[in-house]
């Protein structure tokens, strides 16, 4: 019984951590006067569908495990199983099975008013609120930001170099992941210039060049990190092909806030979240 209580306690901590991070960074910006008026309201927009789905799942598990028929099957589990008890015993097994959804790895806010994915900006219709997602789904803005191990650090302003994104994401600021070949040309692109409106106290910049790049011609002196995606996990896990210039903005709660292909995409997200 103590182990069961421990498992429930771990679940409570996980749920508290998710909603606290979702609300915490928004309150921090609002307190500093750096948040748009609608930012705090986005908490309910994002979290209520997730909570509703959680209640649906736990209610279904309760009905499977603790209906009178299921309890009778549990009490008679040591006796020879009669045919009429087969379904009830099956329910007990189903009640204690934890499927992919209960890992909560695909919990998302794709429908949120404050996330933006320029790759799907032309899609028509309302985004379905599939709060717990599905295993193997493509990554979009509103999803949990993935990890990417095997990075080779080419440049850093930190005291120690890291080799994975989970060590880079910050709970105190946004992280701008700049996917490109490291060569901007004669002048800085409009896409990179759009990030200049965000001070270093609100956003860290991480440049990720593809594995195919032999020499990084132009390192970004304003970047906090420059990585080579040696094993290709960063591009693969974010669903991006190598080549071109794309900015992925990761929120302090480790959710992808935006995928921007242009300076207009960056401006759209920034103006939705920040009041600068």
Protein backbone atom coordinates (compact mmCIF):
# COMPACT_ATOMS: atom_id res chain seq x y z
CA UNK A 1 0.00 0.00 0.00
CA UNK A 2 2.90 2.36 0.74
CA UNK A 3 4.24 1.81 -2.78
CA UNK A 4 0.81 2.62 -4.23
CA UNK A 5 0.68 5.84 -2.22
CA UNK A 6 4.17 6.70 -3.48
CA UNK A 7 3.07 6.22 -7.08
CA UNK A 8 0.03 8.45 -6.57
CA UNK A 9 2.26 11.04 -4.91
CA UNK A 10 4.65 11.02 -7.88
CA UNK A 11 1.68 11.54 -10.17
CA UNK A 12 0.49 14.50 -8.10
CA UNK A 13 3.96 16.06 -8.22
CA UNK A 14 4.10 15.65 -12.00
CA UNK A 15 0.68 17.26 -12.48
CA UNK A 16 1.54 20.11 -10.12
CA UNK A 17 4.84 20.68 -11.93
CA UNK A 18 3.13 20.95 -15.32
CA UNK A 19 0.50 23.48 -14.29
CA UNK A 20 2.89 25.45 -12.11
CA UNK A 21 5.33 25.93 -14.98
CA UNK A 22 2.53 26.81 -17.38
CA UNK A 23 1.35 29.57 -15.05
CA UNK A 24 4.66 30.60 -13.48
CA UNK A 25 6.43 32.08 -16.50
CA UNK A 26 3.30 33.98 -17.50
CA UNK A 27 2.90 35.48 -14.02
CA UNK A 28 6.59 36.42 -14.03
CA UNK A 29 6.21 38.38 -17.29
CA UNK A 30 2.97 40.00 -16.11
CA UNK A 31 4.59 41.07 -12.82
CA UNK A 32 7.42 42.73 -14.73
CA UNK A 33 4.99 44.46 -17.09
CA UNK A 34 6.37 42.49 -20.06
CA UNK A 35 3.28 40.37 -20.84
CA UNK A 36 0.41 41.11 -23.19
CA UNK A 37 -3.04 41.43 -21.54
CA UNK A 38 -4.18 38.05 -22.82
CA UNK A 39 -1.20 36.03 -21.65
CA UNK A 40 -2.56 35.13 -18.21
CA UNK A 41 -5.93 34.21 -19.73
CA UNK A 42 -4.14 31.62 -21.87
CA UNK A 43 -3.60 29.50 -18.75
CA UNK A 44 -7.25 28.42 -18.67
CA UNK A 45 -7.37 28.06 -22.46
CA UNK A 46 -4.43 25.67 -22.39
CA UNK A 47 -4.98 23.73 -19.20
CA UNK A 48 -8.75 23.14 -19.02
CA UNK A 49 -8.84 20.68 -21.98
CA UNK A 50 -5.89 18.80 -20.44
CA UNK A 51 -7.61 18.60 -17.04
CA UNK A 52 -10.90 17.51 -18.64
CA UNK A 53 -9.17 14.68 -20.50
CA UNK A 54 -7.34 13.63 -17.33
CA UNK A 55 -10.67 13.39 -15.48
CA UNK A 56 -12.17 11.33 -18.32
CA UNK A 57 -9.26 8.89 -18.19
CA UNK A 58 -9.23 8.52 -14.40
CA UNK A 59 -13.03 8.15 -14.29
CA UNK A 60 -12.83 5.31 -16.81
CA UNK A 61 -10.13 3.59 -14.73
CA UNK A 62 -12.22 4.02 -11.58
CA UNK A 63 -15.27 2.44 -13.21
CA UNK A 64 -13.22 -0.51 -14.40
CA UNK A 65 -11.60 -1.14 -11.02
CA UNK A 66 -14.26 -0.24 -8.46
CA UNK A 67 -17.69 -1.06 -9.88
CA UNK A 68 -19.50 -3.71 -7.77
CA UNK A 69 -18.92 -6.37 -10.43
CA UNK A 70 -15.22 -5.58 -10.59
CA UNK A 71 -14.90 -5.67 -6.80
CA UNK A 72 -16.59 -9.07 -6.72
CA UNK A 73 -14.15 -10.35 -9.32
CA UNK A 74 -11.27 -9.04 -7.23
CA UNK A 75 -12.57 -10.76 -4.07
CA UNK A 76 -12.95 -14.04 -5.92
CA UNK A 77 -9.61 -13.81 -7.70
CA UNK A 78 -8.16 -16.70 -5.71
CA UNK A 79 -11.04 -19.04 -6.65
CA UNK A 80 -11.57 -20.85 -9.92
CA UNK A 81 -12.61 -18.27 -12.49
CA UNK A 82 -16.11 -18.92 -13.73
CA UNK A 83 -17.05 -17.96 -17.26
CA UNK A 84 -19.40 -15.26 -16.04
CA UNK A 85 -16.52 -13.62 -14.16
CA UNK A 86 -14.18 -13.47 -17.15
CA UNK A 87 -15.26 -10.00 -18.25
CA UNK A 88 -14.96 -8.56 -14.74
CA UNK A 89 -11.47 -9.97 -14.33
CA UNK A 90 -10.53 -8.54 -17.71
CA UNK A 91 -11.75 -5.16 -16.48
CA UNK A 92 -9.47 -5.40 -13.47
CA UNK A 93 -6.50 -6.04 -15.73
CA UNK A 94 -7.48 -3.16 -18.00
CA UNK A 95 -7.86 -0.83 -15.01
CA UNK A 96 -4.27 -1.44 -13.93
CA UNK A 97 -2.84 -1.10 -17.43
CA UNK A 98 -1.24 2.30 -18.07
CA UNK A 99 -1.22 3.16 -21.74
CA UNK A 100 0.81 5.72 -23.62
CA UNK A 101 -1.47 8.65 -22.72
CA UNK A 102 -0.75 8.31 -19.01
CA UNK A 103 2.95 8.90 -19.62
CA UNK A 104 1.81 12.48 -20.47
CA UNK A 105 4.60 12.87 -23.01
CA UNK A 106 2.20 14.06 -25.71
CA UNK A 107 0.22 16.54 -23.59
CA UNK A 108 -0.07 19.61 -25.81
CA UNK A 109 -1.64 23.04 -26.32
CA UNK A 110 -1.89 23.08 -30.12
CA UNK A 111 -5.19 24.97 -30.01
CA UNK A 112 -3.81 27.78 -27.82
CA UNK A 113 -4.14 31.39 -28.96
CA UNK A 114 -0.53 32.09 -27.99
CA UNK A 115 1.22 29.38 -30.00
CA UNK A 116 1.96 29.75 -33.69
CA UNK A 117 3.33 27.38 -36.32
CA UNK A 118 4.00 29.13 -39.60
CA UNK A 119 4.27 25.81 -41.44
CA UNK A 120 0.54 25.27 -40.97
CA UNK A 121 -0.62 28.90 -40.98
CA UNK A 122 -2.72 28.36 -44.11
CA UNK A 123 -4.65 25.43 -42.66
CA UNK A 124 -8.34 26.17 -42.33
CA UNK A 125 -10.68 25.07 -39.56
CA UNK A 126 -10.42 24.87 -35.79
CA UNK A 127 -7.63 22.74 -34.34
CA UNK A 128 -8.98 19.69 -32.51
CA UNK A 129 -8.33 19.69 -28.77
CA UNK A 130 -6.62 16.31 -28.51
CA UNK A 131 -5.05 17.27 -25.19
CA UNK A 132 -3.15 14.03 -24.56
CA UNK A 133 -2.07 13.67 -28.17
CA UNK A 134 -1.17 10.39 -29.79
CA UNK A 135 1.99 8.29 -29.87
CA UNK A 136 4.12 9.06 -32.90
CA UNK A 137 2.38 12.29 -33.86
CA UNK A 138 4.32 14.95 -35.78
CA UNK A 139 5.67 17.81 -33.70
CA UNK A 140 3.90 21.18 -33.97
CA UNK A 141 3.79 24.39 -31.96
CA UNK A 142 2.03 23.67 -28.67
CA UNK A 143 3.79 20.32 -28.17
CA UNK A 144 6.38 19.53 -25.56
CA UNK A 145 9.85 20.46 -26.84
CA UNK A 146 11.92 17.31 -27.51
CA UNK A 147 15.47 16.53 -26.52
CA UNK A 148 18.38 16.22 -28.95
CA UNK A 149 21.47 14.38 -27.68
CA UNK A 150 24.77 14.10 -29.50
CA UNK A 151 25.23 17.80 -30.21
CA UNK A 152 28.77 19.09 -30.74
CA UNK A 153 29.34 22.47 -29.11
CA UNK A 154 31.18 24.85 -31.45
CA UNK A 155 30.67 28.01 -29.43
CA UNK A 156 29.26 28.84 -26.01
CA UNK A 157 28.97 31.70 -23.54
CA UNK A 158 28.23 29.29 -20.72
CA UNK A 159 30.82 28.10 -18.21
CA UNK A 160 30.49 24.50 -19.37
CA UNK A 161 29.51 23.07 -22.72
CA UNK A 162 26.50 20.79 -23.03
CA UNK A 163 25.67 18.16 -25.63
CA UNK A 164 21.86 17.96 -25.40
CA UNK A 165 18.92 20.36 -25.54
CA UNK A 166 17.38 19.21 -22.25
CA UNK A 167 20.39 20.82 -20.55
CA UNK A 168 19.90 24.05 -22.52
CA UNK A 169 16.20 24.85 -22.09
CA UNK A 170 15.69 27.51 -19.44
CA UNK A 171 12.83 27.82 -16.94
CA UNK A 172 13.52 31.56 -16.65
CA UNK A 173 13.46 32.60 -20.32
CA UNK A 174 12.55 31.57 -23.84
CA UNK A 175 15.02 29.60 -25.95
CA UNK A 176 15.29 30.52 -29.63
CA UNK A 177 16.55 27.53 -31.58
CA UNK A 178 17.95 28.84 -34.87
CA UNK A 179 18.21 26.01 -37.39
CA UNK A 180 20.43 26.93 -40.33
CA UNK A 181 23.74 26.34 -42.06
CA UNK A 182 25.62 28.97 -40.06
CA UNK A 183 26.03 31.25 -43.08
CA UNK A 184 23.84 34.33 -43.08
CA UNK A 185 25.37 36.07 -46.07
CA UNK A 186 26.50 39.68 -46.39
CA UNK A 187 24.04 40.89 -43.81
CA UNK A 188 21.96 39.38 -41.04
CA UNK A 189 18.70 37.94 -42.33
CA UNK A 190 15.39 39.56 -41.47
CA UNK A 191 14.44 36.38 -39.62
CA UNK A 192 17.38 36.68 -37.25
CA UNK A 193 16.90 40.42 -36.97
CA UNK A 194 13.36 39.88 -35.74
CA UNK A 195 14.77 38.22 -32.62
CA UNK A 196 16.67 41.37 -31.67
CA UNK A 197 13.56 42.79 -30.01
CA UNK A 198 13.93 40.14 -27.27
CA UNK A 199 16.63 41.08 -24.72
CA UNK A 200 18.97 38.41 -23.38
CA UNK A 201 17.06 38.46 -20.08
CA UNK A 202 13.99 37.13 -21.89
CA UNK A 203 15.50 34.87 -24.55
CA UNK A 204 18.66 32.85 -25.14
CA UNK A 205 19.76 32.12 -28.70
CA UNK A 206 20.94 28.67 -29.76
CA UNK A 207 22.20 28.12 -33.32
CA UNK A 208 22.01 24.54 -34.62
CA UNK A 209 23.82 23.74 -37.86
CA UNK A 210 23.22 20.46 -39.73
CA UNK A 211 25.65 17.56 -39.71
CA UNK A 212 26.38 18.11 -43.41
CA UNK A 213 28.18 21.39 -42.70
CA UNK A 214 31.93 20.80 -42.66
CA UNK A 215 33.03 24.29 -41.64
CA UNK A 216 30.86 26.95 -40.02
CA UNK A 217 31.83 29.99 -42.04
CA UNK A 218 30.14 32.58 -39.87
CA UNK A 219 29.65 31.87 -36.19
CA UNK A 220 26.96 33.97 -34.59
CA UNK A 221 28.69 36.16 -32.03
CA UNK A 222 25.34 37.10 -30.46
CA UNK A 223 24.36 33.45 -29.89
CA UNK A 224 24.63 31.85 -26.47
CA UNK A 225 25.40 28.50 -28.08
CA UNK A 226 26.33 27.19 -31.53
CA UNK A 227 25.89 23.44 -31.99
CA UNK A 228 26.50 20.99 -34.78
CA UNK A 229 23.70 18.44 -35.02
CA UNK A 230 26.18 15.61 -35.52
CA UNK A 231 23.68 12.76 -35.17
CA UNK A 232 20.76 14.63 -36.72
CA UNK A 233 18.49 14.24 -33.69
CA UNK A 234 17.65 17.94 -33.38
CA UNK A 235 16.36 18.22 -36.95
CA UNK A 236 14.61 14.84 -36.81
CA UNK A 237 12.92 15.36 -33.44
CA UNK A 238 11.61 18.78 -34.44
CA UNK A 239 10.45 17.44 -37.80
CA UNK A 240 12.71 19.76 -39.80
CA UNK A 241 14.71 19.05 -42.92
CA UNK A 242 18.29 20.25 -43.20
CA UNK A 243 18.76 23.50 -45.09
CA UNK A 244 17.14 26.89 -44.94
CA UNK A 245 16.67 29.06 -41.87
CA UNK A 246 13.98 28.27 -39.29
CA UNK A 247 13.45 29.61 -35.78
CA UNK A 248 11.78 27.50 -33.08
CA UNK A 249 10.85 29.42 -29.92
CA UNK A 250 10.66 27.21 -26.84
CA UNK A 251 8.79 28.61 -23.85
CA UNK A 252 10.11 28.44 -20.25
CA UNK A 253 7.70 25.55 -19.57
CA UNK A 254 9.47 23.55 -22.33
CA UNK A 255 6.58 23.88 -24.78
CA UNK A 256 7.17 24.88 -28.41
CA UNK A 257 5.66 28.36 -28.61
CA UNK A 258 6.35 29.03 -32.27
CA UNK A 259 7.90 27.65 -35.43
CA UNK A 260 8.77 30.64 -37.63
CA UNK A 261 9.90 30.59 -41.24
CA UNK A 262 10.02 34.38 -41.61
CA UNK A 263 10.48 37.58 -39.63
CA UNK A 264 6.69 38.03 -39.77
CA UNK A 265 6.29 34.71 -37.95
CA UNK A 266 8.65 35.78 -35.18
CA UNK A 267 6.92 39.17 -34.85
CA UNK A 268 3.51 37.47 -34.64
CA UNK A 269 4.54 35.27 -31.72
CA UNK A 270 6.48 37.98 -29.90
CA UNK A 271 3.61 40.49 -30.16
CA UNK A 272 1.18 37.85 -28.89
CA UNK A 273 3.19 36.99 -25.78
CA UNK A 274 5.35 40.01 -24.90
CA UNK A 275 4.60 43.65 -24.24
CA UNK A 276 7.93 45.32 -25.01
